[in-house]
Protein backbone atom coordinates (compact mmCIF):
# COMPACT_ATOMS: atom_id res chain seq x y z
CA MET A 1 19.99 18.87 18.20
CA GLU A 2 23.68 18.06 18.48
CA CYS A 3 23.01 14.37 17.89
CA CYS A 4 21.39 15.16 14.54
CA ASN A 5 24.40 17.09 13.35
CA GLU A 6 26.80 14.43 14.60
CA CYS A 7 25.21 11.66 12.58
CA GLY A 8 24.96 13.82 9.46
CA LEU A 9 21.23 14.50 9.49
CA GLY A 10 20.11 18.08 9.41
CA ILE A 11 16.80 19.35 10.68
CA GLY A 12 15.61 19.64 7.06
CA MET A 13 16.12 15.93 6.47
CA ILE A 14 14.26 15.05 9.66
CA ILE A 15 11.33 17.22 8.57
CA LEU A 16 11.41 15.67 5.08
CA PHE A 17 11.36 12.12 6.46
CA SER A 18 8.54 13.04 8.85
CA VAL A 19 6.42 14.50 6.05
CA LEU A 20 7.06 11.46 3.82
CA ALA A 21 6.15 9.10 6.66
CA LEU A 22 2.92 10.99 7.32
CA TRP A 23 2.11 11.00 3.57
CA ASP A 24 2.66 7.23 3.42
CA ILE A 25 0.58 6.54 6.53
CA ILE A 26 -2.39 8.53 5.24
CA TRP A 27 -2.44 6.93 1.77
CA ARG A 28 -1.78 3.47 3.18
CA ALA A 29 -4.64 3.79 5.68
CA ILE A 30 -7.08 4.83 2.95
CA ALA A 31 -5.96 2.00 0.65
CA LEU A 32 -6.09 -0.59 3.45
CA TRP A 33 -9.62 0.48 4.32
CA LYS A 34 -10.79 0.36 0.69
CA SER A 35 -9.12 -2.99 -0.02
CA ALA A 36 -10.68 -4.50 3.09
CA ARG A 37 -14.13 -3.19 2.11
CA ASN A 38 -13.72 -4.65 -1.40
CA ASN A 39 -12.42 -8.02 -0.10
CA HIS A 40 -9.11 -7.66 -1.98
CA LEU A 41 -6.90 -9.74 0.30
CA ALA A 42 -3.84 -9.71 -1.99
CA TRP A 43 -3.86 -5.90 -2.18
CA PHE A 44 -4.37 -5.67 1.59
CA ILE A 45 -1.31 -7.85 2.23
CA CYS A 46 0.79 -5.87 -0.26
CA PHE A 47 -0.07 -2.62 1.52
CA LEU A 48 0.95 -4.13 4.84
CA ILE A 49 4.28 -5.49 3.56
CA PHE A 50 5.56 -2.90 1.08
CA SER A 51 6.37 0.71 1.85
CA THR A 52 6.20 2.66 -1.40
CA ILE A 53 5.74 6.20 -0.04
CA GLY A 54 2.11 6.22 -1.10
CA ILE A 55 2.66 5.22 -4.73
CA LEU A 56 1.11 1.73 -4.57
CA PRO A 57 -1.92 2.87 -2.52
CA ILE A 58 -2.59 5.75 -4.94
CA ILE A 59 -2.44 3.35 -7.90
CA TYR A 60 -4.88 0.98 -6.16
CA ILE A 61 -7.30 3.79 -5.34
CA LEU A 62 -7.23 5.08 -8.93
CA ILE A 63 -7.73 1.61 -10.42
CA ASN A 64 -10.55 0.61 -8.08
CA ARG A 65 -12.49 3.84 -7.79
CA LYS A 66 -16.21 3.74 -8.42
CA LYS A 67 -17.52 5.25 -11.61
CA PRO A 68 -20.51 7.64 -11.28
CA ALA A 69 -22.68 5.27 -13.36
CA GLU A 70 -21.94 2.39 -10.94
CA LYS A 71 -23.06 4.47 -7.96
CA GLU A 72 -26.38 5.33 -9.59
CA ALA A 73 -27.01 1.71 -10.63
CA LYS A 74 -26.59 0.51 -7.04
CA ALA A 75 -28.88 3.19 -5.58
């Protein structure tokens, strides 16, 4: 742990960055899967290129979620 203290990063910062990276990976994976299933190529490419700590994927998921009436109509 000496190298972390030498470069100015504490263990708290490392944990914070790890949690943020995991948060981003989870949301990005969900959004990539949904955009691929919906044939939204532009969204898919944006998720691959931009790292927004989960903000862009959450916005996509909220905008493109299925309404309960749409699910019943398809069934």
